[in-house]
């Protein structure tokens, strides 16, 4: 992901900072494609063998209305020990994101949610 893409994700997640985890979980269970469309059967196959986890995550979660809630919930609950596909990101992407997300300034420290860098 590019720096702009990471910044966009972090900005979207900042809007969920005050949402309780049980509310995020309810949204994922109610609106998440993995809990509705993909509940039965095998997950969809990725379109490319290049970075298969990333391709599968993007393909599996494409169009999901609860991607941000799912990602925020996984960052809170699993943190750096994340496994699988959550919020449209592969494990290695979520681990990299978690390093920055966990050290981001709170709303009281900044108004524009700028913070760490993935570099």
PDB file of N, CA and C in Angstrom:
ATOM      1  N   UNK A   1       0.845  -1.186   0.000  1.00  0.00           N
ATOM      2  CA  UNK A   1       0.000   0.000   0.000  1.00  0.00           C
ATOM      3  C   UNK A   1       0.886   1.244   0.000  1.00  0.00           C
ATOM      4  N   UNK A   2       0.376   2.279  -0.617  1.00  0.00           N
ATOM      5  CA  UNK A   2       1.102   3.543  -0.639  1.00  0.00           C
ATOM      6  C   UNK A   2       0.860   4.303   0.666  1.00  0.00           C
ATOM      7  N   UNK A   3       1.671   5.275   0.921  1.00  0.00           N
ATOM      8  CA  UNK A   3       1.513   6.116   2.122  1.00  0.00           C
ATOM      9  C   UNK A   3       0.129   6.765   2.138  1.00  0.00           C
ATOM     10  N   UNK A   4      -0.343   7.240   0.986  1.00  0.00           N
ATOM     11  CA  UNK A   4      -1.670   7.857   0.920  1.00  0.00           C
ATOM     12  C   UNK A   4      -2.768   6.858   1.261  1.00  0.00           C
ATOM     13  N   UNK A   5      -2.623   5.606   0.811  1.00  0.00           N
ATOM     14  CA  UNK A   5      -3.615   4.587   1.134  1.00  0.00           C
ATOM     15  C   UNK A   5      -3.616   4.285   2.632  1.00  0.00           C
ATOM     16  N   UNK A   6      -2.406   4.170   3.233  1.00  0.00           N
ATOM     17  CA  UNK A   6      -2.331   3.944   4.675  1.00  0.00           C
ATOM     18  C   UNK A   6      -2.971   5.099   5.431  1.00  0.00           C
ATOM     19  N   UNK A   7      -2.671   6.323   5.011  1.00  0.00           N
ATOM     20  CA  UNK A   7      -3.242   7.498   5.668  1.00  0.00           C
ATOM     21  C   UNK A   7      -4.764   7.497   5.567  1.00  0.00           C
ATOM     22  N   UNK A   8      -5.286   7.100   4.405  1.00  0.00           N
ATOM     23  CA  UNK A   8      -6.734   7.028   4.222  1.00  0.00           C
ATOM     24  C   UNK A   8      -7.353   6.011   5.175  1.00  0.00           C
ATOM     25  N   UNK A   9      -6.747   4.839   5.286  1.00  0.00           N
ATOM     26  CA  UNK A   9      -7.255   3.800   6.191  1.00  0.00           C
ATOM     27  C   UNK A   9      -7.219   4.306   7.634  1.00  0.00           C
ATOM     28  N   UNK A  10      -6.107   4.881   8.046  1.00  0.00           N
ATOM     29  CA  UNK A  10      -5.991   5.387   9.412  1.00  0.00           C
ATOM     30  C   UNK A  10      -7.012   6.480   9.694  1.00  0.00           C
ATOM     31  N   UNK A  11      -7.273   7.324   8.728  1.00  0.00           N
ATOM     32  CA  UNK A  11      -8.259   8.389   8.899  1.00  0.00           C
ATOM     33  C   UNK A  11      -9.663   7.801   9.059  1.00  0.00           C
ATOM     34  N   UNK A  12      -9.997   6.804   8.237  1.00  0.00           N
ATOM     35  CA  UNK A  12     -11.316   6.157   8.349  1.00  0.00           C
ATOM     36  C   UNK A  12     -11.462   5.456   9.698  1.00  0.00           C
ATOM     37  N   UNK A  13     -10.410   4.774  10.142  1.00  0.00           N
ATOM     38  CA  UNK A  13     -10.472   4.069  11.419  1.00  0.00           C
ATOM     39  C   UNK A  13     -10.586   5.032  12.597  1.00  0.00           C
ATOM     40  N   UNK A  14     -10.010   6.214  12.467  1.00  0.00           N
ATOM     41  CA  UNK A  14     -10.080   7.202  13.547  1.00  0.00           C
ATOM     42  C   UNK A  14     -11.531   7.557  13.856  1.00  0.00           C
ATOM     43  N   UNK A  15     -12.386   7.502  12.858  1.00  0.00           N
ATOM     44  CA  UNK A  15     -13.803   7.783  13.078  1.00  0.00           C
ATOM     45  C   UNK A  15     -14.501   6.717  13.906  1.00  0.00           C
ATOM     46  N   UNK A  16     -13.840   5.584  14.126  1.00  0.00           N
ATOM     47  CA  UNK A  16     -14.425   4.490  14.906  1.00  0.00           C
ATOM     48  C   UNK A  16     -13.795   4.358  16.290  1.00  0.00           C
ATOM     49  N   UNK A  17     -12.877   5.241  16.630  1.00  0.00           N
ATOM     50  CA  UNK A  17     -12.166   5.146  17.902  1.00  0.00           C
ATOM     51  C   UNK A  17     -13.096   5.118  19.116  1.00  0.00           C
ATOM     52  N   UNK A  18     -14.169   5.864  19.069  1.00  0.00           N
ATOM     53  CA  UNK A  18     -15.068   5.957  20.227  1.00  0.00           C
ATOM     54  C   UNK A  18     -16.206   4.936  20.190  1.00  0.00           C
ATOM     55  N   UNK A  19     -16.261   4.129  19.142  1.00  0.00           N
ATOM     56  CA  UNK A  19     -17.324   3.132  19.016  1.00  0.00           C
ATOM     57  C   UNK A  19     -16.936   1.909  19.848  1.00  0.00           C
ATOM     58  N   UNK A  20     -17.807   1.472  20.749  1.00  0.00           N
ATOM     59  CA  UNK A  20     -17.493   0.299  21.569  1.00  0.00           C
ATOM     60  C   UNK A  20     -17.309  -0.964  20.717  1.00  0.00           C
ATOM     61  N   UNK A  21     -16.461  -1.853  21.172  1.00  0.00           N
ATOM     62  CA  UNK A  21     -16.160  -3.079  20.428  1.00  0.00           C
ATOM     63  C   UNK A  21     -17.402  -3.924  20.180  1.00  0.00           C
ATOM     64  N   UNK A  22     -18.324  -3.984  21.143  1.00  0.00           N
ATOM     65  CA  UNK A  22     -19.523  -4.791  20.931  1.00  0.00           C
ATOM     66  C   UNK A  22     -20.392  -4.215  19.822  1.00  0.00           C
ATOM     67  N   UNK A  23     -20.375  -2.909  19.648  1.00  0.00           N
ATOM     68  CA  UNK A  23     -21.124  -2.278  18.555  1.00  0.00           C
ATOM     69  C   UNK A  23     -20.450  -2.591  17.221  1.00  0.00           C
ATOM     70  N   UNK A  24     -19.117  -2.549  17.189  1.00  0.00           N
ATOM     71  CA  UNK A  24     -18.392  -2.924  15.973  1.00  0.00           C
ATOM     72  C   UNK A  24     -18.680  -4.381  15.620  1.00  0.00           C
ATOM     73  N   UNK A  25     -18.648  -5.265  16.607  1.00  0.00           N
ATOM     74  CA  UNK A  25     -18.913  -6.689  16.383  1.00  0.00           C
ATOM     75  C   UNK A  25     -20.322  -6.897  15.818  1.00  0.00           C
ATOM     76  N   UNK A  26     -21.287  -6.198  16.378  1.00  0.00           N
ATOM     77  CA  UNK A  26     -22.664  -6.304  15.872  1.00  0.00           C
ATOM     78  C   UNK A  26     -22.748  -5.859  14.418  1.00  0.00           C
ATOM     79  N   UNK A  27     -22.064  -4.772  14.080  1.00  0.00           N
ATOM     80  CA  UNK A  27     -22.082  -4.276  12.696  1.00  0.00           C
ATOM     81  C   UNK A  27     -21.451  -5.284  11.745  1.00  0.00           C
ATOM     82  N   UNK A  28     -20.346  -5.887  12.155  1.00  0.00           N
ATOM     83  CA  UNK A  28     -19.676  -6.884  11.307  1.00  0.00           C
ATOM     84  C   UNK A  28     -20.569  -8.104  11.128  1.00  0.00           C
ATOM     85  N   UNK A  29     -21.165  -8.574  12.198  1.00  0.00           N
ATOM     86  CA  UNK A  29     -22.034  -9.748  12.113  1.00  0.00           C
ATOM     87  C   UNK A  29     -23.296  -9.474  11.299  1.00  0.00           C
ATOM     88  N   UNK A  30     -23.804  -8.262  11.375  1.00  0.00           N
ATOM     89  CA  UNK A  30     -25.024  -7.890  10.654  1.00  0.00           C
ATOM     90  C   UNK A  30     -24.749  -7.564   9.182  1.00  0.00           C
ATOM     91  N   UNK A  31     -23.668  -6.818   8.910  1.00  0.00           N
ATOM     92  CA  UNK A  31     -23.436  -6.276   7.577  1.00  0.00           C
ATOM     93  C   UNK A  31     -22.260  -6.881   6.828  1.00  0.00           C
ATOM     94  N   UNK A  32     -21.419  -7.638   7.513  1.00  0.00           N
ATOM     95  CA  UNK A  32     -20.217  -8.187   6.885  1.00  0.00           C
ATOM     96  C   UNK A  32     -20.543  -9.264   5.869  1.00  0.00           C
ATOM     97  N   UNK A  33     -19.927  -9.176   4.696  1.00  0.00           N
ATOM     98  CA  UNK A  33     -20.137 -10.193   3.660  1.00  0.00           C
ATOM     99  C   UNK A  33     -19.773 -11.581   4.153  1.00  0.00           C
ATOM    100  N   UNK A  34     -18.764 -11.662   5.002  1.00  0.00           N
ATOM    101  CA  UNK A  34     -18.350 -12.975   5.509  1.00  0.00           C
ATOM    102  C   UNK A  34     -19.432 -13.591   6.387  1.00  0.00           C
ATOM    103  N   UNK A  35     -20.329 -12.779   6.906  1.00  0.00           N
ATOM    104  CA  UNK A  35     -21.419 -13.279   7.744  1.00  0.00           C
ATOM    105  C   UNK A  35     -22.725 -13.391   6.975  1.00  0.00           C
ATOM    106  N   UNK A  36     -22.741 -12.917   5.755  1.00  0.00           N
ATOM    107  CA  UNK A  36     -23.967 -12.993   4.957  1.00  0.00           C
ATOM    108  C   UNK A  36     -23.711 -13.788   3.682  1.00  0.00           C
ATOM    109  N   UNK A  37     -23.115 -13.178   2.686  1.00  0.00           N
ATOM    110  CA  UNK A  37     -22.905 -13.799   1.380  1.00  0.00           C
ATOM    111  C   UNK A  37     -21.991 -15.003   1.425  1.00  0.00           C
ATOM    112  N   UNK A  38     -20.871 -14.914   2.118  1.00  0.00           N
ATOM    113  CA  UNK A  38     -19.857 -15.965   2.089  1.00  0.00           C
ATOM    114  C   UNK A  38     -19.957 -16.939   3.260  1.00  0.00           C
ATOM    115  N   UNK A  39     -21.039 -16.934   3.967  1.00  0.00           N
ATOM    116  CA  UNK A  39     -21.156 -17.772   5.161  1.00  0.00           C
ATOM    117  C   UNK A  39     -21.029 -19.254   4.831  1.00  0.00           C
ATOM    118  N   UNK A  40     -21.629 -19.687   3.763  1.00  0.00           N
ATOM    119  CA  UNK A  40     -21.613 -21.099   3.387  1.00  0.00           C
ATOM    120  C   UNK A  40     -20.577 -21.350   2.301  1.00  0.00           C
ATOM    121  N   UNK A  41     -19.947 -22.502   2.346  1.00  0.00           N
ATOM    122  CA  UNK A  41     -19.038 -22.895   1.277  1.00  0.00           C
ATOM    123  C   UNK A  41     -17.652 -22.324   1.428  1.00  0.00           C
ATOM    124  N   UNK A  42     -16.898 -22.471   0.372  1.00  0.00           N
ATOM    125  CA  UNK A  42     -15.507 -22.037   0.337  1.00  0.00           C
ATOM    126  C   UNK A  42     -15.413 -20.552   0.023  1.00  0.00           C
ATOM    127  N   UNK A  43     -14.378 -19.879   0.552  1.00  0.00           N
ATOM    128  CA  UNK A  43     -14.184 -18.477   0.185  1.00  0.00           C
ATOM    129  C   UNK A  43     -13.800 -18.369  -1.284  1.00  0.00           C
ATOM    130  N   UNK A  44     -14.036 -17.211  -1.880  1.00  0.00           N
ATOM    131  CA  UNK A  44     -13.656 -17.044  -3.284  1.00  0.00           C
ATOM    132  C   UNK A  44     -12.154 -17.169  -3.476  1.00  0.00           C
ATOM    133  N   UNK A  45     -11.755 -17.599  -4.642  1.00  0.00           N
ATOM    134  CA  UNK A  45     -10.341 -17.734  -4.975  1.00  0.00           C
ATOM    135  C   UNK A  45      -9.785 -16.376  -5.392  1.00  0.00           C
ATOM    136  N   UNK A  46      -8.537 -16.080  -5.041  1.00  0.00           N
ATOM    137  CA  UNK A  46      -7.934 -14.816  -5.487  1.00  0.00           C
ATOM    138  C   UNK A  46      -7.699 -14.850  -6.994  1.00  0.00           C
ATOM    139  N   UNK A  47      -7.637 -13.660  -7.585  1.00  0.00           N
ATOM    140  CA  UNK A  47      -7.445 -13.540  -9.030  1.00  0.00           C
ATOM    141  C   UNK A  47      -5.982 -13.675  -9.442  1.00  0.00           C
ATOM    142  N   UNK A  48      -5.058 -13.605  -8.503  1.00  0.00           N
ATOM    143  CA  UNK A  48      -3.651 -13.596  -8.854  1.00  0.00           C
ATOM    144  C   UNK A  48      -2.839 -14.386  -7.841  1.00  0.00           C
ATOM    145  N   UNK A  49      -1.760 -14.991  -8.298  1.00  0.00           N
ATOM    146  CA  UNK A  49      -0.859 -15.714  -7.395  1.00  0.00           C
ATOM    147  C   UNK A  49       0.141 -14.763  -6.756  1.00  0.00           C
ATOM    148  N   UNK A  50       0.259 -13.557  -7.294  1.00  0.00           N
ATOM    149  CA  UNK A  50       1.158 -12.546  -6.740  1.00  0.00           C
ATOM    150  C   UNK A  50       0.530 -12.005  -5.454  1.00  0.00           C
ATOM    151  N   UNK A  51       1.241 -12.109  -4.338  1.00  0.00           N
ATOM    152  CA  UNK A  51       0.727 -11.718  -3.030  1.00  0.00           C
ATOM    153  C   UNK A  51      -0.657 -12.324  -2.792  1.00  0.00           C
ATOM    154  N   UNK A  52      -0.755 -13.664  -2.711  1.00  0.00           N
ATOM    155  CA  UNK A  52      -2.051 -14.321  -2.628  1.00  0.00           C
ATOM    156  C   UNK A  52      -2.905 -13.896  -1.445  1.00  0.00           C
ATOM    157  N   UNK A  53      -2.318 -13.659  -0.270  1.00  0.00           N
ATOM    158  CA  UNK A  53      -3.129 -13.232   0.872  1.00  0.00           C
ATOM    159  C   UNK A  53      -3.769 -11.876   0.616  1.00  0.00           C
ATOM    160  N   UNK A  54      -2.992 -10.963   0.030  1.00  0.00           N
ATOM    161  CA  UNK A  54      -3.524  -9.636  -0.274  1.00  0.00           C
ATOM    162  C   UNK A  54      -4.612  -9.716  -1.331  1.00  0.00           C
ATOM    163  N   UNK A  55      -4.389 -10.535  -2.355  1.00  0.00           N
ATOM    164  CA  UNK A  55      -5.379 -10.681  -3.418  1.00  0.00           C
ATOM    165  C   UNK A  55      -6.650 -11.324  -2.885  1.00  0.00           C
ATOM    166  N   UNK A  56      -6.511 -12.340  -2.051  1.00  0.00           N
ATOM    167  CA  UNK A  56      -7.683 -13.001  -1.480  1.00  0.00           C
ATOM    168  C   UNK A  56      -8.450 -12.038  -0.584  1.00  0.00           C
ATOM    169  N   UNK A  57      -7.744 -11.284   0.247  1.00  0.00           N
ATOM    170  CA  UNK A  57      -8.406 -10.329   1.128  1.00  0.00           C
ATOM    171  C   UNK A  57      -9.173  -9.284   0.326  1.00  0.00           C
ATOM    172  N   UNK A  58      -8.542  -8.734  -0.684  1.00  0.00           N
ATOM    173  CA  UNK A  58      -9.205  -7.724  -1.516  1.00  0.00           C
ATOM    174  C   UNK A  58     -10.419  -8.309  -2.227  1.00  0.00           C
ATOM    175  N   UNK A  59     -10.279  -9.520  -2.744  1.00  0.00           N
ATOM    176  CA  UNK A  59     -11.369 -10.172  -3.472  1.00  0.00           C
ATOM    177  C   UNK A  59     -12.506 -10.570  -2.533  1.00  0.00           C
ATOM    178  N   UNK A  60     -12.165 -11.178  -1.416  1.00  0.00           N
ATOM    179  CA  UNK A  60     -13.158 -11.684  -0.475  1.00  0.00           C
ATOM    180  C   UNK A  60     -13.962 -10.552   0.145  1.00  0.00           C
ATOM    181  N   UNK A  61     -13.328  -9.431   0.431  1.00  0.00           N
ATOM    182  CA  UNK A  61     -13.974  -8.332   1.139  1.00  0.00           C
ATOM    183  C   UNK A  61     -14.491  -7.223   0.218  1.00  0.00           C
ATOM    184  N   UNK A  62     -14.289  -7.370  -1.085  1.00  0.00           N
ATOM    185  CA  UNK A  62     -14.718  -6.335  -2.025  1.00  0.00           C
ATOM    186  C   UNK A  62     -16.215  -6.056  -1.876  1.00  0.00           C
ATOM    187  N   UNK A  63     -16.537  -4.806  -1.697  1.00  0.00           N
ATOM    188  CA  UNK A  63     -17.937  -4.396  -1.601  1.00  0.00           C
ATOM    189  C   UNK A  63     -18.568  -4.580  -0.239  1.00  0.00           C
ATOM    190  N   UNK A  64     -17.809  -5.023   0.751  1.00  0.00           N
ATOM    191  CA  UNK A  64     -18.354  -5.238   2.082  1.00  0.00           C
ATOM    192  C   UNK A  64     -18.609  -3.892   2.765  1.00  0.00           C
ATOM    193  N   UNK A  65     -19.806  -3.750   3.307  1.00  0.00           N
ATOM    194  CA  UNK A  65     -20.185  -2.503   3.974  1.00  0.00           C
ATOM    195  C   UNK A  65     -19.562  -2.355   5.357  1.00  0.00           C
ATOM    196  N   UNK A  66     -19.003  -3.434   5.895  1.00  0.00           N
ATOM    197  CA  UNK A  66     -18.473  -3.399   7.262  1.00  0.00           C
ATOM    198  C   UNK A  66     -16.947  -3.534   7.305  1.00  0.00           C
ATOM    199  N   UNK A  67     -16.263  -3.212   6.215  1.00  0.00           N
ATOM    200  CA  UNK A  67     -14.807  -3.369   6.178  1.00  0.00           C
ATOM    201  C   UNK A  67     -14.094  -2.578   7.265  1.00  0.00           C
ATOM    202  N   UNK A  68     -14.433  -1.331   7.433  1.00  0.00           N
ATOM    203  CA  UNK A  68     -13.743  -0.504   8.431  1.00  0.00           C
ATOM    204  C   UNK A  68     -14.027  -0.999   9.848  1.00  0.00           C
ATOM    205  N   UNK A  69     -15.283  -1.343  10.116  1.00  0.00           N
ATOM    206  CA  UNK A  69     -15.644  -1.858  11.427  1.00  0.00           C
ATOM    207  C   UNK A  69     -14.904  -3.166  11.713  1.00  0.00           C
ATOM    208  N   UNK A  70     -14.820  -4.025  10.708  1.00  0.00           N
ATOM    209  CA  UNK A  70     -14.123  -5.301  10.825  1.00  0.00           C
ATOM    210  C   UNK A  70     -12.636  -5.084  11.116  1.00  0.00           C
ATOM    211  N   UNK A  71     -12.024  -4.191  10.375  1.00  0.00           N
ATOM    212  CA  UNK A  71     -10.603  -3.913  10.559  1.00  0.00           C
ATOM    213  C   UNK A  71     -10.345  -3.306  11.933  1.00  0.00           C
ATOM    214  N   UNK A  72     -11.168  -2.355  12.343  1.00  0.00           N
ATOM    215  CA  UNK A  72     -11.004  -1.733  13.660  1.00  0.00           C
ATOM    216  C   UNK A  72     -11.158  -2.769  14.771  1.00  0.00           C
ATOM    217  N   UNK A  73     -12.130  -3.645  14.641  1.00  0.00           N
ATOM    218  CA  UNK A  73     -12.351  -4.676  15.646  1.00  0.00           C
ATOM    219  C   UNK A  73     -11.165  -5.627  15.724  1.00  0.00           C
ATOM    220  N   UNK A  74     -10.639  -6.037  14.598  1.00  0.00           N
ATOM    221  CA  UNK A  74      -9.489  -6.960  14.586  1.00  0.00           C
ATOM    222  C   UNK A  74      -8.244  -6.291  15.166  1.00  0.00           C
ATOM    223  N   UNK A  75      -8.013  -5.030  14.849  1.00  0.00           N
ATOM    224  CA  UNK A  75      -6.859  -4.326  15.406  1.00  0.00           C
ATOM    225  C   UNK A  75      -6.972  -4.239  16.926  1.00  0.00           C
ATOM    226  N   UNK A  76      -8.191  -4.013  17.423  1.00  0.00           N
ATOM    227  CA  UNK A  76      -8.403  -3.932  18.875  1.00  0.00           C
ATOM    228  C   UNK A  76      -8.237  -5.278  19.557  1.00  0.00           C
ATOM    229  N   UNK A  77      -8.805  -6.318  18.979  1.00  0.00           N
ATOM    230  CA  UNK A  77      -8.882  -7.593  19.682  1.00  0.00           C
ATOM    231  C   UNK A  77      -7.673  -8.491  19.451  1.00  0.00           C
ATOM    232  N   UNK A  78      -7.152  -8.542  18.244  1.00  0.00           N
ATOM    233  CA  UNK A  78      -6.016  -9.424  17.943  1.00  0.00           C
ATOM    234  C   UNK A  78      -4.707  -8.662  17.891  1.00  0.00           C
ATOM    235  N   UNK A  79      -4.767  -7.398  17.534  1.00  0.00           N
ATOM    236  CA  UNK A  79      -3.560  -6.587  17.476  1.00  0.00           C
ATOM    237  C   UNK A  79      -2.526  -7.144  16.526  1.00  0.00           C
ATOM    238  N   UNK A  80      -1.303  -7.201  16.976  1.00  0.00           N
ATOM    239  CA  UNK A  80      -0.196  -7.670  16.138  1.00  0.00           C
ATOM    240  C   UNK A  80      -0.237  -9.180  15.925  1.00  0.00           C
ATOM    241  N   UNK A  81      -1.073  -9.893  16.659  1.00  0.00           N
ATOM    242  CA  UNK A  81      -1.188 -11.353  16.528  1.00  0.00           C
ATOM    243  C   UNK A  81      -2.301 -11.741  15.561  1.00  0.00           C
ATOM    244  N   UNK A  82      -2.690 -10.849  14.706  1.00  0.00           N
ATOM    245  CA  UNK A  82      -3.792 -11.061  13.781  1.00  0.00           C
ATOM    246  C   UNK A  82      -3.511 -12.184  12.782  1.00  0.00           C
ATOM    247  N   UNK A  83      -4.547 -12.932  12.456  1.00  0.00           N
ATOM    248  CA  UNK A  83      -4.451 -14.024  11.486  1.00  0.00           C
ATOM    249  C   UNK A  83      -5.676 -13.995  10.592  1.00  0.00           C
ATOM    250  N   UNK A  84      -5.520 -14.457   9.369  1.00  0.00           N
ATOM    251  CA  UNK A  84      -6.650 -14.547   8.456  1.00  0.00           C
ATOM    252  C   UNK A  84      -6.876 -13.279   7.670  1.00  0.00           C
ATOM    253  N   UNK A  85      -8.095 -13.117   7.235  1.00  0.00           N
ATOM    254  CA  UNK A  85      -8.499 -11.963   6.424  1.00  0.00           C
ATOM    255  C   UNK A  85      -9.509 -11.163   7.225  1.00  0.00           C
ATOM    256  N   UNK A  86      -9.194  -9.927   7.496  1.00  0.00           N
ATOM    257  CA  UNK A  86     -10.082  -9.025   8.234  1.00  0.00           C
ATOM    258  C   UNK A  86     -10.007  -7.650   7.590  1.00  0.00           C
ATOM    259  N   UNK A  87     -11.140  -7.044   7.376  1.00  0.00           N
ATOM    260  CA  UNK A  87     -11.186  -5.676   6.888  1.00  0.00           C
ATOM    261  C   UNK A  87     -10.547  -5.457   5.531  1.00  0.00           C
ATOM    262  N   UNK A  88     -10.480  -6.502   4.730  1.00  0.00           N
ATOM    263  CA  UNK A  88      -9.934  -6.375   3.383  1.00  0.00           C
ATOM    264  C   UNK A  88      -8.422  -6.342   3.308  1.00  0.00           C
ATOM    265  N   UNK A  89      -7.748  -6.626   4.423  1.00  0.00           N
ATOM    266  CA  UNK A  89      -6.287  -6.610   4.436  1.00  0.00           C
ATOM    267  C   UNK A  89      -5.731  -7.971   4.834  1.00  0.00           C
ATOM    268  N   UNK A  90      -4.616  -8.324   4.247  1.00  0.00           N
ATOM    269  CA  UNK A  90      -3.912  -9.547   4.602  1.00  0.00           C
ATOM    270  C   UNK A  90      -3.189  -9.353   5.931  1.00  0.00           C
ATOM    271  N   UNK A  91      -2.754 -10.466   6.524  1.00  0.00           N
ATOM    272  CA  UNK A  91      -2.092 -10.434   7.827  1.00  0.00           C
ATOM    273  C   UNK A  91      -0.916  -9.468   7.876  1.00  0.00           C
ATOM    274  N   UNK A  92      -0.015  -9.555   6.892  1.00  0.00           N
ATOM    275  CA  UNK A  92       1.188  -8.712   6.945  1.00  0.00           C
ATOM    276  C   UNK A  92       0.837  -7.227   6.853  1.00  0.00           C
ATOM    277  N   UNK A  93      -0.212  -6.899   6.104  1.00  0.00           N
ATOM    278  CA  UNK A  93      -0.645  -5.496   6.019  1.00  0.00           C
ATOM    279  C   UNK A  93      -1.251  -5.025   7.340  1.00  0.00           C
ATOM    280  N   UNK A  94      -2.057  -5.888   7.978  1.00  0.00           N
ATOM    281  CA  UNK A  94      -2.659  -5.503   9.255  1.00  0.00           C
ATOM    282  C   UNK A  94      -1.602  -5.378  10.349  1.00  0.00           C
ATOM    283  N   UNK A  95      -0.592  -6.240  10.319  1.00  0.00           N
ATOM    284  CA  UNK A  95       0.477  -6.129  11.323  1.00  0.00           C
ATOM    285  C   UNK A  95       1.233  -4.812  11.162  1.00  0.00           C
ATOM    286  N   UNK A  96       1.516  -4.444   9.928  1.00  0.00           N
ATOM    287  CA  UNK A  96       2.192  -3.167   9.665  1.00  0.00           C
ATOM    288  C   UNK A  96       1.301  -2.007  10.082  1.00  0.00           C
ATOM    289  N   UNK A  97       0.016  -2.100   9.764  1.00  0.00           N
ATOM    290  CA  UNK A  97      -0.930  -1.056  10.145  1.00  0.00           C
ATOM    291  C   UNK A  97      -1.050  -0.973  11.660  1.00  0.00           C
ATOM    292  N   UNK A  98      -1.068  -2.107  12.332  1.00  0.00           N
ATOM    293  CA  UNK A  98      -1.227  -2.111  13.784  1.00  0.00           C
ATOM    294  C   UNK A  98      -0.106  -1.338  14.478  1.00  0.00           C
ATOM    295  N   UNK A  99       1.117  -1.447  13.966  1.00  0.00           N
ATOM    296  CA  UNK A  99       2.241  -0.723  14.577  1.00  0.00           C
ATOM    297  C   UNK A  99       1.974   0.777  14.600  1.00  0.00           C
ATOM    298  N   UNK A 100       1.383   1.293  13.560  1.00  0.00           N
ATOM    299  CA  UNK A 100       1.089   2.720  13.490  1.00  0.00           C
ATOM    300  C   UNK A 100      -0.201   3.033  14.240  1.00  0.00           C
ATOM    301  N   UNK A 101      -1.214   2.219  14.040  1.00  0.00           N
ATOM    302  CA  UNK A 101      -2.525   2.427  14.656  1.00  0.00           C
ATOM    303  C   UNK A 101      -2.415   2.448  16.179  1.00  0.00           C
ATOM    304  N   UNK A 102      -1.624   1.548  16.747  1.00  0.00           N
ATOM    305  CA  UNK A 102      -1.498   1.450  18.199  1.00  0.00           C
ATOM    306  C   UNK A 102      -0.802   2.662  18.814  1.00  0.00           C
ATOM    307  N   UNK A 103      -0.054   3.406  18.019  1.00  0.00           N
ATOM    308  CA  UNK A 103       0.684   4.563  18.527  1.00  0.00           C
ATOM    309  C   UNK A 103       0.155   5.887  17.991  1.00  0.00           C
ATOM    310  N   UNK A 104      -1.056   5.858  17.458  1.00  0.00           N
ATOM    311  CA  UNK A 104      -1.625   7.080  16.906  1.00  0.00           C
ATOM    312  C   UNK A 104      -2.038   8.024  18.032  1.00  0.00           C
ATOM    313  N   UNK A 105      -2.032   9.309  17.757  1.00  0.00           N
ATOM    314  CA  UNK A 105      -2.484  10.274  18.762  1.00  0.00           C
ATOM    315  C   UNK A 105      -3.985  10.139  18.966  1.00  0.00           C
ATOM    316  N   UNK A 106      -4.449  10.461  20.155  1.00  0.00           N
ATOM    317  CA  UNK A 106      -5.888  10.454  20.414  1.00  0.00           C
ATOM    318  C   UNK A 106      -6.499  11.738  19.862  1.00  0.00           C
ATOM    319  N   UNK A 107      -7.829  11.777  19.810  1.00  0.00           N
ATOM    320  CA  UNK A 107      -8.519  12.975  19.322  1.00  0.00           C
ATOM    321  C   UNK A 107      -8.150  14.210  20.130  1.00  0.00           C
ATOM    322  N   UNK A 108      -7.845  14.021  21.388  1.00  0.00           N
ATOM    323  CA  UNK A 108      -7.495  15.174  22.212  1.00  0.00           C
ATOM    324  C   UNK A 108      -6.096  15.708  21.896  1.00  0.00           C
ATOM    325  N   UNK A 109      -5.258  14.870  21.269  1.00  0.00           N
ATOM    326  CA  UNK A 109      -3.902  15.297  20.942  1.00  0.00           C
ATOM    327  C   UNK A 109      -3.799  15.941  19.561  1.00  0.00           C
ATOM    328  N   UNK A 110      -4.701  15.597  18.662  1.00  0.00           N
ATOM    329  CA  UNK A 110      -4.650  16.153  17.312  1.00  0.00           C
ATOM    330  C   UNK A 110      -6.045  16.192  16.729  1.00  0.00           C
ATOM    331  N   UNK A 111      -6.294  17.142  15.887  1.00  0.00           N
ATOM    332  CA  UNK A 111      -7.613  17.232  15.270  1.00  0.00           C
ATOM    333  C   UNK A 111      -7.660  16.615  13.891  1.00  0.00           C
ATOM    334  N   UNK A 112      -6.525  16.316  13.292  1.00  0.00           N
ATOM    335  CA  UNK A 112      -6.536  15.774  11.927  1.00  0.00           C
ATOM    336  C   UNK A 112      -6.094  14.318  11.874  1.00  0.00           C
ATOM    337  N   UNK A 113      -5.903  13.675  13.010  1.00  0.00           N
ATOM    338  CA  UNK A 113      -5.576  12.246  13.100  1.00  0.00           C
ATOM    339  C   UNK A 113      -4.273  11.880  12.419  1.00  0.00           C
ATOM    340  N   UNK A 114      -3.364  12.823  12.278  1.00  0.00           N
ATOM    341  CA  UNK A 114      -2.050  12.488  11.745  1.00  0.00           C
ATOM    342  C   UNK A 114      -1.256  11.828  12.842  1.00  0.00           C
ATOM    343  N   UNK A 115      -0.346  11.010  12.446  1.00  0.00           N
ATOM    344  CA  UNK A 115       0.435  10.320  13.459  1.00  0.00           C
ATOM    345  C   UNK A 115       1.627   9.652  12.867  1.00  0.00           C
ATOM    346  N   UNK A 116       1.798   8.394  13.235  1.00  0.00           N
ATOM    347  CA  UNK A 116       2.967   7.636  12.852  1.00  0.00           C
ATOM    348  C   UNK A 116       3.117   7.469  11.358  1.00  0.00           C
ATOM    349  N   UNK A 117       4.222   6.883  11.014  1.00  0.00           N
ATOM    350  CA  UNK A 117       4.536   6.628   9.626  1.00  0.00           C
ATOM    351  C   UNK A 117       4.869   5.163   9.462  1.00  0.00           C
ATOM    352  N   UNK A 118       4.524   4.608   8.337  1.00  0.00           N
ATOM    353  CA  UNK A 118       4.837   3.213   8.056  1.00  0.00           C
ATOM    354  C   UNK A 118       6.222   3.042   7.472  1.00  0.00           C
ATOM    355  N   UNK A 119       6.947   4.114   7.274  1.00  0.00           N
ATOM    356  CA  UNK A 119       8.288   3.984   6.706  1.00  0.00           C
ATOM    357  C   UNK A 119       9.265   3.516   7.740  1.00  0.00           C
TER     358      UNK A 119
END
